[in-house]
Amino acid sequence: MDLRFPHSSYRPLSRPERSWLRLLPAALFCAALFSIVSPSSAHAEFTVCNQTLDVVNLAVGQNVDNADQTDGWWTIGANQCVNVIREELTNRYIYLYATDVFGHAILNGSTEMCIDRRRFSIRGIDECWQRGHIAARFVEVDTQEQVRWTYFLTGNSP
């Protein structure tokens, strides 16, 4: 009685089957890598990259459901990028306000919108003080109606 192969249906693998099995780990690795970098995977549609040597706190303004809205804060380390809007862009203009770690504005914008000292999401940009918020001047970023955009924050940003 042969104890090596207890099942009668056993048959040795053919040469093509053995070749395929040797490629299986590489095929699994490639499939995993493709799923990570494929265009269908989730990716940001508006990214801000901090190319300064300082940590930056960022607030973002945009039109949401036909009303202006500001959201904050994102903290971006030196030479780091942060995804601030994860859906495809539907607004041509996105508004940014950035401060250094001491709270000093580092972007000189002309569009007044509302912010708060702590994490916030504020609907509307009028009467900031009367509603208990802080008025700040945001920079307008023209995305040229693209669905994806990256803004590079440099030491000499507008």
N, C-alpha and C. Protein backbone atom coordinates (compact mmCIF):
# COMPACT_ATOMS: atom_id res chain seq x y z
N MET A 1 0.84 -1.16 0.00
CA MET A 1 0.00 0.00 0.00
C MET A 1 0.89 1.23 0.00
N ASP A 2 0.59 2.17 -0.89
CA ASP A 2 1.37 3.39 -1.05
C ASP A 2 0.76 4.48 -0.19
N LEU A 3 1.49 4.97 0.84
CA LEU A 3 0.98 5.99 1.75
C LEU A 3 1.31 7.41 1.31
N ARG A 4 2.09 7.57 0.28
CA ARG A 4 2.46 8.91 -0.17
C ARG A 4 1.28 9.65 -0.78
N PHE A 5 0.40 9.01 -1.48
CA PHE A 5 -0.71 9.64 -2.18
C PHE A 5 -2.00 8.93 -1.81
N PRO A 6 -2.66 9.35 -0.72
CA PRO A 6 -3.82 8.63 -0.24
C PRO A 6 -5.04 8.75 -1.17
N HIS A 7 -5.09 9.76 -1.99
CA HIS A 7 -6.25 9.91 -2.88
C HIS A 7 -5.94 9.30 -4.24
N SER A 8 -6.87 8.60 -4.72
CA SER A 8 -6.66 7.96 -6.01
C SER A 8 -6.71 8.95 -7.15
N SER A 9 -7.24 10.18 -6.90
CA SER A 9 -7.35 11.16 -7.98
C SER A 9 -6.08 11.99 -8.14
N TYR A 10 -5.06 11.71 -7.34
CA TYR A 10 -3.83 12.48 -7.44
C TYR A 10 -3.14 12.19 -8.75
N ARG A 11 -2.67 13.30 -9.35
CA ARG A 11 -1.81 13.17 -10.52
C ARG A 11 -0.75 14.25 -10.43
N PRO A 12 0.45 13.99 -10.84
CA PRO A 12 1.49 15.02 -10.78
C PRO A 12 1.14 16.18 -11.71
N LEU A 13 1.59 17.39 -11.35
CA LEU A 13 1.33 18.56 -12.19
C LEU A 13 2.16 18.50 -13.45
N SER A 14 1.55 18.92 -14.54
CA SER A 14 2.28 18.95 -15.80
C SER A 14 3.25 20.13 -15.79
N ARG A 15 4.14 20.17 -16.74
CA ARG A 15 5.15 21.23 -16.81
C ARG A 15 4.51 22.62 -16.95
N PRO A 16 3.49 22.83 -17.81
CA PRO A 16 2.87 24.16 -17.89
C PRO A 16 2.20 24.57 -16.57
N GLU A 17 1.62 23.61 -15.85
CA GLU A 17 0.98 23.94 -14.58
C GLU A 17 2.03 24.34 -13.54
N ARG A 18 3.18 23.66 -13.52
CA ARG A 18 4.24 24.02 -12.58
C ARG A 18 4.81 25.39 -12.93
N SER A 19 4.95 25.73 -14.18
CA SER A 19 5.45 27.04 -14.60
C SER A 19 4.51 28.14 -14.13
N TRP A 20 3.22 27.92 -14.27
CA TRP A 20 2.22 28.92 -13.85
C TRP A 20 2.29 29.14 -12.34
N LEU A 21 2.46 28.05 -11.59
CA LEU A 21 2.54 28.17 -10.13
C LEU A 21 3.76 28.98 -9.69
N ARG A 22 4.85 28.85 -10.43
CA ARG A 22 6.04 29.64 -10.09
C ARG A 22 5.80 31.13 -10.32
N LEU A 23 4.94 31.48 -11.25
CA LEU A 23 4.64 32.88 -11.55
C LEU A 23 3.55 33.46 -10.66
N LEU A 24 2.86 32.61 -9.90
CA LEU A 24 1.74 33.07 -9.08
C LEU A 24 2.13 34.18 -8.10
N PRO A 25 3.22 34.06 -7.33
CA PRO A 25 3.56 35.17 -6.40
C PRO A 25 3.79 36.49 -7.14
N ALA A 26 4.46 36.47 -8.26
CA ALA A 26 4.70 37.70 -9.03
C ALA A 26 3.38 38.26 -9.57
N ALA A 27 2.49 37.38 -10.02
CA ALA A 27 1.20 37.83 -10.54
C ALA A 27 0.36 38.46 -9.43
N LEU A 28 0.37 37.88 -8.24
CA LEU A 28 -0.37 38.46 -7.13
C LEU A 28 0.20 39.81 -6.73
N PHE A 29 1.53 39.92 -6.73
CA PHE A 29 2.16 41.19 -6.40
C PHE A 29 1.78 42.27 -7.41
N CYS A 30 1.82 41.94 -8.69
CA CYS A 30 1.45 42.91 -9.74
C CYS A 30 -0.02 43.32 -9.63
N ALA A 31 -0.89 42.38 -9.32
CA ALA A 31 -2.30 42.70 -9.17
C ALA A 31 -2.51 43.64 -7.99
N ALA A 32 -1.82 43.39 -6.89
CA ALA A 32 -1.95 44.27 -5.73
C ALA A 32 -1.41 45.66 -6.04
N LEU A 33 -0.27 45.74 -6.71
CA LEU A 33 0.31 47.02 -7.08
C LEU A 33 -0.61 47.78 -8.02
N PHE A 34 -1.19 47.12 -8.99
CA PHE A 34 -2.10 47.76 -9.94
C PHE A 34 -3.33 48.31 -9.23
N SER A 35 -3.84 47.58 -8.25
CA SER A 35 -5.03 48.06 -7.54
C SER A 35 -4.72 49.31 -6.73
N ILE A 36 -3.47 49.48 -6.30
CA ILE A 36 -3.09 50.65 -5.53
C ILE A 36 -2.94 51.87 -6.43
N VAL A 37 -2.34 51.72 -7.60
CA VAL A 37 -2.06 52.86 -8.47
C VAL A 37 -3.02 53.02 -9.63
N SER A 38 -4.03 52.20 -9.72
CA SER A 38 -4.94 52.29 -10.85
C SER A 38 -5.76 53.57 -10.78
N PRO A 39 -6.14 54.13 -11.94
CA PRO A 39 -6.91 55.37 -11.96
C PRO A 39 -8.26 55.25 -11.28
N SER A 40 -8.80 54.06 -11.17
CA SER A 40 -10.11 53.91 -10.55
C SER A 40 -10.04 53.93 -9.03
N SER A 41 -8.83 53.88 -8.47
CA SER A 41 -8.73 53.91 -7.02
C SER A 41 -9.00 55.33 -6.53
N ALA A 42 -9.38 55.45 -5.26
CA ALA A 42 -9.71 56.76 -4.70
C ALA A 42 -8.47 57.64 -4.69
N HIS A 43 -8.63 58.85 -5.17
CA HIS A 43 -7.54 59.79 -5.17
C HIS A 43 -8.10 61.20 -5.05
N ALA A 44 -7.26 62.08 -4.57
CA ALA A 44 -7.72 63.45 -4.33
C ALA A 44 -7.87 64.20 -5.63
N GLU A 45 -8.78 65.14 -5.61
CA GLU A 45 -8.99 65.95 -6.78
C GLU A 45 -8.46 67.36 -6.59
N PHE A 46 -8.28 67.82 -5.35
CA PHE A 46 -7.61 69.09 -5.08
C PHE A 46 -6.60 68.85 -3.97
N THR A 47 -5.34 69.02 -4.31
CA THR A 47 -4.25 68.76 -3.40
C THR A 47 -3.46 70.04 -3.18
N VAL A 48 -3.03 70.27 -1.96
CA VAL A 48 -2.17 71.41 -1.66
C VAL A 48 -0.84 70.86 -1.18
N CYS A 49 0.24 71.30 -1.83
CA CYS A 49 1.59 70.88 -1.46
C CYS A 49 2.33 72.07 -0.85
N ASN A 50 2.85 71.87 0.34
CA ASN A 50 3.58 72.90 1.07
C ASN A 50 5.05 72.78 0.71
N GLN A 51 5.53 73.69 -0.13
CA GLN A 51 6.93 73.67 -0.52
C GLN A 51 7.76 74.67 0.27
N THR A 52 7.25 75.09 1.42
CA THR A 52 8.01 75.98 2.28
C THR A 52 8.75 75.15 3.32
N LEU A 53 9.51 75.82 4.15
CA LEU A 53 10.24 75.14 5.21
C LEU A 53 9.47 75.14 6.52
N ASP A 54 8.24 75.68 6.51
CA ASP A 54 7.44 75.81 7.72
C ASP A 54 6.20 74.93 7.68
N VAL A 55 5.68 74.60 8.85
CA VAL A 55 4.39 73.92 8.96
C VAL A 55 3.31 74.96 8.67
N VAL A 56 2.29 74.56 7.92
CA VAL A 56 1.23 75.48 7.49
C VAL A 56 -0.11 74.92 7.93
N ASN A 57 -0.99 75.80 8.39
CA ASN A 57 -2.38 75.45 8.68
C ASN A 57 -3.23 76.02 7.55
N LEU A 58 -4.12 75.19 6.99
CA LEU A 58 -4.84 75.56 5.77
C LEU A 58 -6.35 75.46 5.96
N ALA A 59 -7.04 76.47 5.43
CA ALA A 59 -8.50 76.45 5.34
C ALA A 59 -8.87 76.55 3.86
N VAL A 60 -9.99 75.93 3.49
CA VAL A 60 -10.42 75.87 2.09
C VAL A 60 -11.84 76.39 1.99
N GLY A 61 -12.08 77.20 0.97
CA GLY A 61 -13.42 77.69 0.68
C GLY A 61 -13.85 77.25 -0.71
N GLN A 62 -15.13 76.94 -0.84
CA GLN A 62 -15.68 76.55 -2.14
C GLN A 62 -17.19 76.66 -2.10
N ASN A 63 -17.81 76.56 -3.26
CA ASN A 63 -19.26 76.56 -3.34
C ASN A 63 -19.75 75.13 -3.17
N VAL A 64 -20.62 74.91 -2.18
CA VAL A 64 -21.18 73.59 -1.90
C VAL A 64 -22.69 73.74 -1.87
N ASP A 65 -23.39 73.03 -2.75
CA ASP A 65 -24.86 73.09 -2.81
C ASP A 65 -25.36 74.53 -2.90
N ASN A 66 -24.76 75.29 -3.83
CA ASN A 66 -25.16 76.68 -4.11
C ASN A 66 -24.96 77.62 -2.94
N ALA A 67 -24.07 77.32 -2.02
CA ALA A 67 -23.73 78.23 -0.93
C ALA A 67 -22.22 78.17 -0.70
N ASP A 68 -21.64 79.31 -0.38
CA ASP A 68 -20.21 79.33 -0.07
C ASP A 68 -19.98 78.68 1.28
N GLN A 69 -18.91 77.88 1.33
CA GLN A 69 -18.59 77.15 2.56
C GLN A 69 -17.09 77.15 2.75
N THR A 70 -16.67 77.30 4.01
CA THR A 70 -15.26 77.20 4.35
C THR A 70 -15.08 76.04 5.32
N ASP A 71 -13.95 75.36 5.19
CA ASP A 71 -13.61 74.22 6.04
C ASP A 71 -12.15 74.34 6.47
N GLY A 72 -11.86 73.92 7.69
CA GLY A 72 -10.48 73.96 8.15
C GLY A 72 -10.37 73.12 9.41
N TRP A 73 -9.32 72.79 9.82
CA TRP A 73 -7.98 73.09 9.38
C TRP A 73 -7.27 71.81 8.91
N TRP A 74 -6.39 71.97 7.95
CA TRP A 74 -5.46 70.92 7.57
C TRP A 74 -4.08 71.41 7.96
N THR A 75 -3.30 70.57 8.59
CA THR A 75 -1.93 70.92 8.93
C THR A 75 -1.02 70.22 7.95
N ILE A 76 -0.18 71.02 7.28
CA ILE A 76 0.70 70.48 6.24
C ILE A 76 2.14 70.74 6.63
N GLY A 77 2.89 69.69 6.82
CA GLY A 77 4.30 69.83 7.15
C GLY A 77 5.11 70.33 5.98
N ALA A 78 6.33 70.77 6.26
CA ALA A 78 7.22 71.23 5.20
C ALA A 78 7.44 70.12 4.18
N ASN A 79 7.35 70.48 2.92
CA ASN A 79 7.54 69.55 1.80
C ASN A 79 6.58 68.37 1.86
N GLN A 80 5.35 68.61 2.30
CA GLN A 80 4.31 67.59 2.36
C GLN A 80 3.13 68.04 1.50
N CYS A 81 2.28 67.10 1.12
CA CYS A 81 1.05 67.39 0.38
C CYS A 81 -0.14 66.82 1.14
N VAL A 82 -1.29 67.49 1.03
CA VAL A 82 -2.51 67.04 1.68
C VAL A 82 -3.65 67.12 0.67
N ASN A 83 -4.47 66.07 0.65
CA ASN A 83 -5.65 66.04 -0.20
C ASN A 83 -6.78 66.73 0.53
N VAL A 84 -7.24 67.87 0.02
CA VAL A 84 -8.25 68.63 0.75
C VAL A 84 -9.65 68.47 0.15
N ILE A 85 -9.75 68.14 -1.12
CA ILE A 85 -11.04 67.84 -1.74
C ILE A 85 -10.89 66.51 -2.45
N ARG A 86 -11.69 65.54 -2.08
CA ARG A 86 -11.52 64.17 -2.58
C ARG A 86 -12.42 63.84 -3.76
N GLU A 87 -13.37 64.70 -4.07
CA GLU A 87 -14.25 64.44 -5.22
C GLU A 87 -13.72 65.23 -6.42
N GLU A 88 -14.17 64.83 -7.62
CA GLU A 88 -13.81 65.61 -8.79
C GLU A 88 -14.31 67.03 -8.61
N LEU A 89 -13.50 67.98 -9.02
CA LEU A 89 -13.85 69.38 -8.84
C LEU A 89 -15.02 69.76 -9.73
N THR A 90 -15.98 70.46 -9.16
CA THR A 90 -17.11 70.98 -9.92
C THR A 90 -17.09 72.51 -9.94
N ASN A 91 -16.26 73.10 -9.08
CA ASN A 91 -16.12 74.56 -9.03
C ASN A 91 -14.86 74.99 -9.75
N ARG A 92 -14.97 76.05 -10.52
CA ARG A 92 -13.78 76.57 -11.18
C ARG A 92 -12.85 77.22 -10.16
N TYR A 93 -13.42 77.86 -9.14
CA TYR A 93 -12.61 78.59 -8.16
C TYR A 93 -12.65 77.90 -6.80
N ILE A 94 -11.47 77.72 -6.23
CA ILE A 94 -11.28 77.21 -4.88
C ILE A 94 -10.54 78.31 -4.13
N TYR A 95 -10.86 78.49 -2.87
CA TYR A 95 -10.27 79.57 -2.08
C TYR A 95 -9.44 79.00 -0.95
N LEU A 96 -8.24 79.56 -0.76
CA LEU A 96 -7.31 79.06 0.25
C LEU A 96 -6.89 80.16 1.21
N TYR A 97 -6.79 79.78 2.47
CA TYR A 97 -6.25 80.66 3.49
C TYR A 97 -5.24 79.83 4.27
N ALA A 98 -4.04 80.35 4.43
CA ALA A 98 -2.98 79.60 5.13
C ALA A 98 -2.31 80.49 6.16
N THR A 99 -1.97 79.87 7.29
CA THR A 99 -1.25 80.57 8.35
C THR A 99 -0.02 79.76 8.74
N ASP A 100 0.93 80.45 9.36
CA ASP A 100 2.05 79.74 9.96
C ASP A 100 1.62 79.24 11.33
N VAL A 101 2.52 78.61 12.06
CA VAL A 101 2.16 78.03 13.35
C VAL A 101 1.83 79.08 14.41
N PHE A 102 2.17 80.34 14.13
CA PHE A 102 1.86 81.42 15.07
C PHE A 102 0.53 82.09 14.72
N GLY A 103 -0.16 81.62 13.67
CA GLY A 103 -1.44 82.18 13.28
C GLY A 103 -1.35 83.36 12.34
N HIS A 104 -0.16 83.68 11.84
CA HIS A 104 0.00 84.78 10.90
C HIS A 104 -0.31 84.30 9.49
N ALA A 105 -1.13 85.07 8.76
CA ALA A 105 -1.49 84.71 7.39
C ALA A 105 -0.24 84.69 6.51
N ILE A 106 -0.13 83.66 5.68
CA ILE A 106 1.01 83.59 4.76
C ILE A 106 0.58 83.66 3.30
N LEU A 107 -0.71 83.82 3.07
CA LEU A 107 -1.23 84.08 1.72
C LEU A 107 -1.95 85.43 1.77
N ASN A 108 -1.76 86.25 0.75
CA ASN A 108 -2.41 87.56 0.69
C ASN A 108 -3.55 87.49 -0.31
N GLY A 109 -4.74 87.20 0.19
CA GLY A 109 -5.90 87.08 -0.68
C GLY A 109 -6.78 88.30 -0.63
N SER A 110 -7.80 88.31 -1.48
CA SER A 110 -8.72 89.45 -1.54
C SER A 110 -10.17 89.05 -1.33
N THR A 111 -10.45 87.76 -1.17
CA THR A 111 -11.83 87.30 -0.99
C THR A 111 -12.06 87.02 0.49
N GLU A 112 -12.95 87.80 1.10
CA GLU A 112 -13.20 87.64 2.53
C GLU A 112 -14.17 86.49 2.77
N MET A 113 -13.76 85.57 3.64
CA MET A 113 -14.56 84.41 4.03
C MET A 113 -14.36 84.19 5.52
N CYS A 114 -15.14 83.27 6.08
CA CYS A 114 -15.10 83.04 7.53
C CYS A 114 -14.23 81.85 7.90
N ILE A 115 -13.54 81.99 9.04
CA ILE A 115 -12.77 80.90 9.63
C ILE A 115 -13.08 80.85 11.12
N ASP A 116 -12.54 79.86 11.79
CA ASP A 116 -12.68 79.76 13.24
C ASP A 116 -11.34 79.31 13.81
N ARG A 117 -11.18 79.43 15.10
CA ARG A 117 -9.90 79.06 15.74
C ARG A 117 -9.69 77.55 15.76
N ARG A 118 -10.74 76.81 15.93
CA ARG A 118 -10.66 75.35 15.96
C ARG A 118 -11.21 74.78 14.66
N ARG A 119 -11.20 73.48 14.54
CA ARG A 119 -11.72 72.81 13.36
C ARG A 119 -13.13 73.33 13.05
N PHE A 120 -13.44 73.56 11.77
CA PHE A 120 -14.72 74.18 11.44
C PHE A 120 -15.22 73.79 10.05
N SER A 121 -16.51 73.96 9.88
CA SER A 121 -17.19 73.92 8.58
C SER A 121 -18.27 74.99 8.68
N ILE A 122 -18.10 76.08 7.94
CA ILE A 122 -18.98 77.24 8.05
C ILE A 122 -19.68 77.49 6.73
N ARG A 123 -21.01 77.51 6.78
CA ARG A 123 -21.82 77.84 5.60
C ARG A 123 -22.02 79.35 5.55
N GLY A 124 -21.78 79.94 4.39
CA GLY A 124 -21.95 81.37 4.22
C GLY A 124 -20.67 82.12 4.54
N ILE A 125 -20.50 83.27 3.85
CA ILE A 125 -19.28 84.05 4.04
C ILE A 125 -19.58 85.47 4.51
N ASP A 126 -20.84 85.79 4.71
CA ASP A 126 -21.22 87.14 5.13
C ASP A 126 -21.30 87.23 6.65
N GLU A 127 -21.05 88.43 7.15
CA GLU A 127 -21.22 88.74 8.57
C GLU A 127 -20.49 87.74 9.48
N CYS A 128 -19.25 87.50 9.19
CA CYS A 128 -18.47 86.53 9.97
C CYS A 128 -18.46 86.88 11.45
N TRP A 129 -18.11 88.13 11.78
CA TRP A 129 -18.01 88.54 13.18
C TRP A 129 -19.34 88.41 13.89
N GLN A 130 -20.41 88.82 13.22
CA GLN A 130 -21.73 88.78 13.85
C GLN A 130 -22.16 87.34 14.15
N ARG A 131 -21.66 86.41 13.40
CA ARG A 131 -22.02 85.00 13.60
C ARG A 131 -21.01 84.27 14.49
N GLY A 132 -20.07 85.01 15.07
CA GLY A 132 -19.12 84.40 16.01
C GLY A 132 -17.89 83.81 15.36
N HIS A 133 -17.60 84.17 14.11
CA HIS A 133 -16.43 83.64 13.40
C HIS A 133 -15.42 84.76 13.17
N ILE A 134 -14.35 84.45 12.49
CA ILE A 134 -13.29 85.40 12.17
C ILE A 134 -13.29 85.61 10.66
N ALA A 135 -13.22 86.86 10.23
CA ALA A 135 -13.12 87.16 8.79
C ALA A 135 -11.66 87.04 8.37
N ALA A 136 -11.42 86.37 7.26
CA ALA A 136 -10.06 86.19 6.74
C ALA A 136 -10.08 86.38 5.23
N ARG A 137 -8.96 86.79 4.69
CA ARG A 137 -8.85 87.03 3.25
C ARG A 137 -8.23 85.81 2.57
N PHE A 138 -9.04 85.14 1.76
CA PHE A 138 -8.64 83.93 1.05
C PHE A 138 -8.09 84.28 -0.34
N VAL A 139 -7.16 83.46 -0.82
CA VAL A 139 -6.65 83.56 -2.18
C VAL A 139 -7.55 82.75 -3.10
N GLU A 140 -7.91 83.32 -4.22
CA GLU A 140 -8.73 82.62 -5.21
C GLU A 140 -7.81 81.82 -6.14
N VAL A 141 -8.08 80.53 -6.26
CA VAL A 141 -7.31 79.65 -7.14
C VAL A 141 -8.20 79.27 -8.32
N ASP A 142 -7.79 79.64 -9.51
CA ASP A 142 -8.54 79.32 -10.72
C ASP A 142 -8.08 77.95 -11.21
N THR A 143 -8.95 76.96 -11.10
CA THR A 143 -8.60 75.60 -11.53
C THR A 143 -8.84 75.38 -13.02
N GLN A 144 -9.27 76.43 -13.70
CA GLN A 144 -9.49 76.38 -15.15
C GLN A 144 -10.46 75.28 -15.54
N GLU A 145 -11.41 75.02 -14.65
CA GLU A 145 -12.47 74.03 -14.86
C GLU A 145 -11.95 72.61 -15.03
N GLN A 146 -10.77 72.34 -14.49
CA GLN A 146 -10.22 70.99 -14.49
C GLN A 146 -10.89 70.19 -13.37
N VAL A 147 -10.88 68.87 -13.47
CA VAL A 147 -11.48 68.03 -12.43
C VAL A 147 -10.47 67.69 -11.35
N ARG A 148 -9.18 67.93 -11.61
CA ARG A 148 -8.11 67.69 -10.64
C ARG A 148 -7.17 68.89 -10.65
N TRP A 149 -6.66 69.24 -9.47
CA TRP A 149 -5.76 70.39 -9.41
C TRP A 149 -4.84 70.23 -8.22
N THR A 150 -3.58 70.64 -8.38
CA THR A 150 -2.64 70.68 -7.28
C THR A 150 -2.12 72.10 -7.15
N TYR A 151 -2.19 72.63 -5.95
CA TYR A 151 -1.70 73.97 -5.66
C TYR A 151 -0.41 73.84 -4.88
N PHE A 152 0.64 74.55 -5.33
CA PHE A 152 1.92 74.49 -4.67
C PHE A 152 2.11 75.77 -3.86
N LEU A 153 2.17 75.61 -2.57
CA LEU A 153 2.35 76.72 -1.66
C LEU A 153 3.85 76.92 -1.51
N THR A 154 4.35 78.07 -1.98
CA THR A 154 5.79 78.36 -1.91
C THR A 154 6.00 79.55 -1.00
N GLY A 155 7.24 79.85 -0.73
CA GLY A 155 7.57 80.98 0.13
C GLY A 155 7.12 82.30 -0.45
N ASN A 156 6.94 82.37 -1.78
CA ASN A 156 6.53 83.62 -2.41
C ASN A 156 5.18 83.48 -3.09
N SER A 157 4.24 82.75 -2.44
CA SER A 157 2.90 82.58 -3.01
C SER A 157 2.17 83.91 -3.00
N PRO A 158 1.23 84.09 -3.94
CA PRO A 158 0.51 85.37 -4.03
C PRO A 158 -0.30 85.66 -2.78
